[in-house]
Protein backbone atom coordinates (compact mmCIF):
# COMPACT_ATOMS: atom_id res chain seq x y z
CA MET A 1 -19.55 -9.17 32.87
CA ALA A 2 -21.61 -7.45 30.57
CA ASP A 3 -20.79 -6.90 26.85
CA ARG A 4 -19.77 -3.01 26.19
CA VAL A 5 -20.54 -0.86 22.86
CA LEU A 6 -18.26 2.65 22.82
CA VAL A 7 -20.03 5.11 20.60
CA PRO A 8 -19.24 8.35 19.63
CA TRP A 9 -22.49 10.34 20.21
CA LYS A 10 -25.34 10.40 22.93
CA GLN A 11 -28.22 9.89 20.17
CA ASN A 12 -26.52 5.80 19.24
CA LEU A 13 -27.28 4.97 23.05
CA GLY A 14 -30.56 3.91 22.43
CA SER A 15 -29.68 1.83 19.51
CA VAL A 16 -27.12 -0.40 21.36
CA PRO A 17 -28.65 -4.23 21.83
CA GLU A 18 -30.49 -5.54 24.90
CA GLY A 19 -28.22 -6.77 27.32
CA ALA A 20 -25.23 -4.77 26.67
CA GLU A 21 -23.83 -1.64 28.21
CA GLY A 22 -23.56 1.52 26.26
CA VAL A 23 -20.50 3.69 26.60
CA LEU A 24 -20.36 7.08 25.16
CA PHE A 25 -16.75 7.96 23.94
CA ASP A 26 -15.88 10.60 21.65
CA GLY A 27 -11.97 10.30 21.85
CA GLU A 28 -11.31 12.29 24.88
CA GLY A 29 -10.13 10.78 28.01
CA GLU A 30 -10.03 7.29 29.30
CA PRO A 31 -13.22 5.40 27.71
CA ALA A 32 -14.41 3.12 30.75
CA GLY A 33 -14.54 -0.94 30.48
CA LEU A 34 -12.34 -1.28 27.72
CA SER A 35 -11.54 -4.82 29.12
CA ASP A 36 -15.05 -5.81 28.60
CA ALA A 37 -15.68 -3.57 25.02
CA VAL A 38 -17.25 -6.17 22.10
CA PHE A 39 -18.35 -3.31 19.47
CA TYR A 40 -16.21 0.05 19.26
CA VAL A 41 -17.30 2.70 16.77
CA MET A 42 -13.99 4.29 16.89
CA PRO A 43 -14.56 8.14 17.02
CA TYR A 44 -14.40 10.59 14.05
CA GLY A 45 -11.40 13.35 13.47
CA ARG A 46 -8.39 13.52 14.34
CA THR A 47 -8.75 11.21 17.68
CA GLN A 48 -9.66 7.89 16.03
CA ARG A 49 -7.76 6.05 18.55
CA VAL A 50 -6.09 2.97 17.00
CA ASP A 51 -4.11 2.57 20.21
CA LEU A 52 -7.27 1.44 22.17
CA LEU A 53 -7.59 -1.70 20.33
CA SER A 54 -4.81 -3.74 21.53
CA ARG A 55 -6.28 -3.49 25.06
CA MET A 56 -9.66 -4.63 23.83
CA PRO A 57 -9.47 -8.59 24.52
CA ARG A 58 -13.29 -9.15 23.86
CA LEU A 59 -13.44 -7.05 20.81
CA ARG A 60 -15.74 -8.61 17.99
CA VAL A 61 -16.11 -5.47 15.98
CA CYS A 62 -14.52 -2.39 14.82
CA GLN A 63 -16.81 0.29 13.19
CA LEU A 64 -15.09 2.71 11.44
CA LEU A 65 -16.35 6.60 10.14
CA THR A 66 -13.85 7.15 7.58
CA ALA A 67 -13.74 5.42 4.34
CA GLY A 68 -10.15 5.10 4.55
CA TYR A 69 -8.71 1.83 6.72
CA GLU A 70 -5.01 1.59 5.95
CA ASN A 71 -4.07 2.87 9.31
CA VAL A 72 -6.28 0.65 11.51
CA LEU A 73 -5.19 -2.60 9.72
CA PRO A 74 -1.56 -3.20 11.36
CA ALA A 75 -3.60 -3.00 14.52
CA LEU A 76 -6.75 -5.08 14.26
CA PRO A 77 -6.34 -7.77 16.78
CA ASP A 78 -7.10 -11.09 14.80
CA GLY A 79 -10.63 -12.64 14.35
CA VAL A 80 -12.25 -8.49 14.89
CA GLU A 81 -14.24 -7.69 12.04
CA LEU A 82 -14.12 -3.91 11.01
CA CYS A 83 -16.59 -2.42 8.64
CA ASN A 84 -15.63 1.12 7.45
CA GLY A 85 -17.57 4.41 6.53
CA ARG A 86 -18.22 3.66 2.74
CA GLY A 87 -21.01 6.46 1.50
CA LEU A 88 -21.39 8.46 4.71
CA HIS A 89 -18.74 10.84 3.15
CA ASP A 90 -19.81 10.78 -0.78
CA ALA A 91 -21.79 14.41 -0.42
CA SER A 92 -19.18 16.27 1.90
CA THR A 93 -16.01 14.96 -0.18
CA ALA A 94 -17.54 15.90 -3.73
CA GLU A 95 -18.81 19.72 -2.67
CA HIS A 96 -15.09 20.44 -1.30
CA ALA A 97 -13.82 18.59 -4.64
CA LEU A 98 -15.73 20.98 -6.71
CA ALA A 99 -15.18 23.52 -4.20
CA LEU A 100 -11.34 23.56 -4.21
CA ILE A 101 -12.06 23.17 -8.72
CA LEU A 102 -13.77 26.72 -8.58
CA ALA A 103 -11.34 27.98 -5.74
CA ALA A 104 -8.09 27.23 -8.20
CA GLN A 105 -9.94 27.82 -11.63
CA ARG A 106 -11.61 31.17 -10.99
CA ASP A 107 -8.11 32.06 -8.70
CA LEU A 108 -10.05 32.54 -5.45
CA PRO A 109 -7.35 32.30 -3.29
CA ARG A 110 -5.64 35.27 -4.51
CA TRP A 111 -8.91 37.49 -4.57
CA ALA A 112 -8.99 36.93 -0.68
CA ALA A 113 -5.36 37.53 -0.50
CA ASP A 114 -6.15 40.71 -2.72
CA GLN A 115 -9.22 41.79 -0.27
CA ALA A 116 -6.70 41.13 3.21
CA GLU A 117 -4.86 43.51 1.66
CA ARG A 118 -7.78 46.26 0.32
CA THR A 119 -6.29 45.58 -3.53
CA TRP A 120 -8.54 45.72 -6.08
CA ALA A 121 -6.75 44.26 -9.23
CA PRO A 122 -9.10 42.27 -11.31
CA HIS A 123 -7.86 39.89 -14.25
CA TYR A 124 -9.64 37.17 -16.31
CA THR A 125 -9.14 33.81 -14.79
CA ARG A 126 -9.84 30.10 -16.15
CA SER A 127 -13.33 28.22 -16.04
CA LEU A 128 -14.52 25.01 -15.27
CA ALA A 129 -16.80 24.91 -18.22
CA GLY A 130 -15.35 24.04 -21.51
CA SER A 131 -12.14 21.83 -19.70
CA ARG A 132 -11.70 18.07 -19.02
CA VAL A 133 -11.31 16.33 -15.89
CA LEU A 134 -10.34 13.49 -15.27
CA ILE A 135 -11.51 11.42 -11.62
CA VAL A 136 -8.78 8.62 -10.97
CA GLY A 137 -10.58 6.58 -8.06
CA TYR A 138 -13.99 6.78 -9.55
CA GLY A 139 -16.23 4.96 -6.90
CA SER A 140 -19.34 6.45 -4.48
CA ILE A 141 -17.47 9.69 -4.12
CA GLY A 142 -16.36 10.00 -7.64
CA ALA A 143 -20.10 9.52 -9.10
CA ALA A 144 -21.16 12.25 -6.48
CA LEU A 145 -18.38 14.57 -7.81
CA GLU A 146 -19.65 13.88 -11.76
CA ALA A 147 -22.93 14.46 -10.87
CA ARG A 148 -22.04 18.13 -9.12
CA LEU A 149 -19.94 18.69 -12.25
CA ALA A 150 -22.37 17.83 -14.35
CA PRO A 151 -24.24 21.02 -14.56
CA CYS A 152 -20.99 22.58 -14.92
CA GLU A 153 -20.23 22.12 -18.47
CA CYS A 154 -17.19 20.06 -18.32
CA GLU A 155 -16.05 16.55 -19.98
CA VAL A 156 -15.87 13.70 -16.87
CA VAL A 157 -13.69 10.95 -17.82
CA ARG A 158 -13.58 8.13 -15.11
CA VAL A 159 -11.03 6.03 -13.82
CA ALA A 160 -10.49 3.35 -11.47
CA ARG A 161 -8.12 0.29 -10.91
CA ARG A 162 -9.85 -2.21 -13.04
CA ALA A 163 -12.10 -1.38 -16.12
CA ARG A 164 -15.67 -0.70 -16.19
CA PRO A 165 -16.89 -1.02 -19.81
CA GLU A 166 -20.77 -0.91 -18.61
CA GLN A 167 -20.18 2.12 -16.45
CA GLY A 168 -17.20 4.13 -19.34
CA VAL A 169 -14.74 3.59 -16.73
CA HIS A 170 -11.43 3.82 -17.59
CA PRO A 171 -8.71 1.12 -15.54
CA VAL A 172 -6.01 3.02 -14.29
CA SER A 173 -3.58 1.27 -16.48
CA GLU A 174 -4.51 4.29 -19.08
CA LEU A 175 -3.92 7.23 -16.93
CA HIS A 176 -0.62 8.27 -18.89
CA ARG A 177 -2.92 8.49 -22.39
CA LEU A 178 -5.62 10.15 -20.99
CA LEU A 179 -3.64 12.42 -18.86
CA PRO A 180 -2.23 15.14 -21.68
CA GLU A 181 -5.88 15.81 -22.51
CA ALA A 182 -6.29 16.66 -19.35
CA ASP A 183 -7.10 20.31 -17.44
CA VAL A 184 -8.44 18.83 -14.15
CA VAL A 185 -7.20 15.74 -12.11
CA VAL A 186 -9.26 14.90 -9.33
CA LEU A 187 -7.64 12.20 -6.98
CA VAL A 188 -10.28 10.22 -4.83
CA ALA A 189 -8.43 6.68 -4.85
CA PRO A 190 -7.85 5.21 -1.21
CA LEU A 191 -4.15 4.35 -0.07
CA THR A 192 -2.77 1.31 -1.07
CA GLU A 193 0.67 -0.36 -2.22
CA GLU A 194 -0.79 0.16 -5.78
CA THR A 195 -1.66 3.57 -5.27
CA ARG A 196 0.96 5.12 -3.27
CA GLY A 197 2.78 8.06 -5.48
CA LEU A 198 0.20 6.78 -8.31
CA VAL A 199 0.79 10.60 -9.83
CA GLY A 200 4.33 11.34 -9.67
CA ALA A 201 7.04 13.06 -11.80
CA GLU A 202 6.53 10.52 -14.89
CA GLU A 203 2.91 11.83 -14.56
CA LEU A 204 3.00 15.62 -13.56
CA ALA A 205 4.93 15.95 -17.04
CA LEU A 206 2.63 14.73 -19.16
CA LEU A 207 -0.12 17.30 -17.80
CA ARG A 208 -0.33 19.96 -19.89
CA ASP A 209 1.03 23.95 -18.25
CA GLY A 210 -1.22 25.42 -15.79
CA ALA A 211 -2.95 21.38 -15.19
CA LEU A 212 -4.69 21.48 -12.11
CA VAL A 213 -4.42 17.78 -9.96
CA VAL A 214 -6.92 17.87 -6.84
CA ASN A 215 -6.21 15.65 -4.31
CA VAL A 216 -9.51 14.85 -1.52
CA GLY A 217 -8.23 10.86 -1.53
CA ARG A 218 -4.98 10.00 0.56
CA GLY A 219 -1.82 12.79 0.43
CA PRO A 220 0.78 9.82 -0.41
CA VAL A 221 -1.60 9.30 -3.58
CA LEU A 222 0.37 12.43 -4.95
CA ASP A 223 4.12 12.94 -5.12
CA THR A 224 4.80 15.91 -2.85
CA ASP A 225 8.72 15.95 -3.96
CA ALA A 226 7.57 15.42 -7.78
CA LEU A 227 4.46 18.18 -7.68
CA LEU A 228 7.25 21.09 -5.37
CA LYS A 229 10.08 20.32 -8.60
CA GLU A 230 7.33 21.48 -10.92
CA GLY A 231 7.56 24.94 -10.08
CA GLY A 232 4.00 26.00 -10.54
CA ARG A 233 3.83 24.88 -14.18
CA VAL A 234 1.47 22.37 -12.80
CA ARG A 235 -1.06 23.80 -10.24
CA ALA A 236 -2.79 21.46 -7.13
CA ALA A 237 -5.45 22.35 -4.76
CA LEU A 238 -4.60 19.86 -1.77
CA ASP A 239 -6.77 18.59 1.14
CA VAL A 240 -4.62 15.73 1.86
CA THR A 241 -0.82 15.99 1.75
CA ASP A 242 2.36 14.19 2.73
CA PRO A 243 3.26 15.03 4.63
CA GLU A 244 0.23 15.71 6.70
CA PRO A 245 -0.16 17.91 8.35
CA PRO A 246 2.77 20.01 6.73
CA PRO A 247 5.72 20.94 9.30
CA ALA A 248 6.29 25.06 9.83
CA GLY A 249 8.69 25.18 7.60
CA HIS A 250 8.02 22.83 4.37
CA PRO A 251 7.69 24.46 0.60
CA LEU A 252 4.17 23.25 0.22
CA TRP A 253 2.99 25.79 2.26
CA ARG A 254 4.42 28.21 0.18
CA ALA A 255 4.79 26.22 -3.24
CA PRO A 256 3.16 28.77 -6.50
CA GLY A 257 0.06 27.70 -7.28
CA VAL A 258 -0.98 24.86 -4.48
CA PHE A 259 -4.41 25.95 -2.30
CA ILE A 260 -4.29 23.95 0.57
CA THR A 261 -7.09 23.04 3.12
CA PRO A 262 -6.61 20.86 6.54
CA HIS A 263 -8.51 17.25 5.61
CA VAL A 264 -11.64 18.66 5.57
CA ALA A 265 -13.29 17.56 2.95
CA GLY A 266 -15.68 14.77 4.53
CA GLY A 267 -16.20 16.38 8.02
CA SER A 268 -19.09 19.27 7.25
CA ASP A 269 -22.49 19.05 8.29
CA THR A 270 -23.84 16.66 6.04
CA PHE A 271 -21.86 13.93 7.35
CA TYR A 272 -22.87 13.51 11.06
CA PRO A 273 -27.02 12.80 10.57
CA ARG A 274 -25.69 10.21 7.85
CA ALA A 275 -22.86 8.75 9.67
CA ARG A 276 -25.19 8.75 13.31
CA ALA A 277 -28.09 6.89 11.36
CA PHE A 278 -25.79 4.50 9.88
CA VAL A 279 -23.74 3.30 13.12
CA ASP A 280 -27.84 2.99 14.88
CA ALA A 281 -28.31 0.76 12.13
CA GLN A 282 -25.40 -0.79 12.43
CA LEU A 283 -25.73 -1.83 16.13
CA ARG A 284 -29.24 -3.07 15.29
CA ARG A 285 -27.80 -5.50 12.67
CA TRP A 286 -25.77 -6.56 15.02
CA GLY A 287 -28.27 -6.37 17.64
CA ALA A 288 -30.48 -9.17 15.72
CA GLY A 289 -27.62 -11.40 14.57
CA GLU A 290 -27.85 -9.87 10.91
CA PRO A 291 -24.86 -9.46 8.59
CA LEU A 292 -23.00 -5.89 8.94
CA GLU A 293 -22.89 -3.51 5.71
CA ASN A 294 -19.30 -1.98 4.95
CA VAL A 295 -17.31 -5.10 6.05
CA VAL A 296 -13.92 -4.85 4.47
CA ARG A 297 -12.00 -7.34 6.40
CA PRO A 298 -14.34 -10.40 8.21
CA GLY A 299 -14.34 -11.58 11.96
CA THR A 300 -15.11 -14.24 13.99
CA ARG A 301 -18.84 -13.57 15.90
């Protein structure tokens, strides 16, 4: 009975430890040898195949390529070590967040619609320079975003679950005090019971007219119904939504002041070489019996 390692890219097959068999599985179809799988690198994207976990009785390690793992925990068998992809999406997500901010502040969706209609109707827009940007859920992605915001001449305010005075990070308990002075609020928080609905009717009401909420974290961190009730007074640029995707007739599609991209922030060309290199390193650590990186739930190896 050979140990089998499921990897999503053929480049990773060369890093499978000696004595184990590498199986290429990108999320499509049925992978070979599920009953012998001991290390599962879950495919990236819309085909994670969490459903396969219950059919891997020998599984010891599940490696995710996403930072979020809330959808995997309920299906994870006891004793399986879970590692996430923290850090792999920092550059991609930060770029996308910056793009959403600039697109919303400079009214790019309107210009794109005008171009499609061959309409020339200039007007002056908002700017990012001189604005105050709250980054809520400040971690590695938040730091990457701040580095990209630095040349844009805006003020960045860092907010996280707990205060980190040495880094100038405010606790989320101060969010209500900080919101009234914010021009842009960027949500990069993971989805937990604490963050679900973190920005709802009360928080949106504290924002000034025309403020922008950007969500590149998880959809339910922002209360969709509360946003819709704002009627465009507070704008939003969303890479993640709740529900996701919105059904065809959902009012979010046509809500005033809302710009949507389809959960693509983390998956740019920057991500893939980093992810493949990380998987290679994890497999080498595992083969050598060394501690793995990004462990979010210890297992029994």
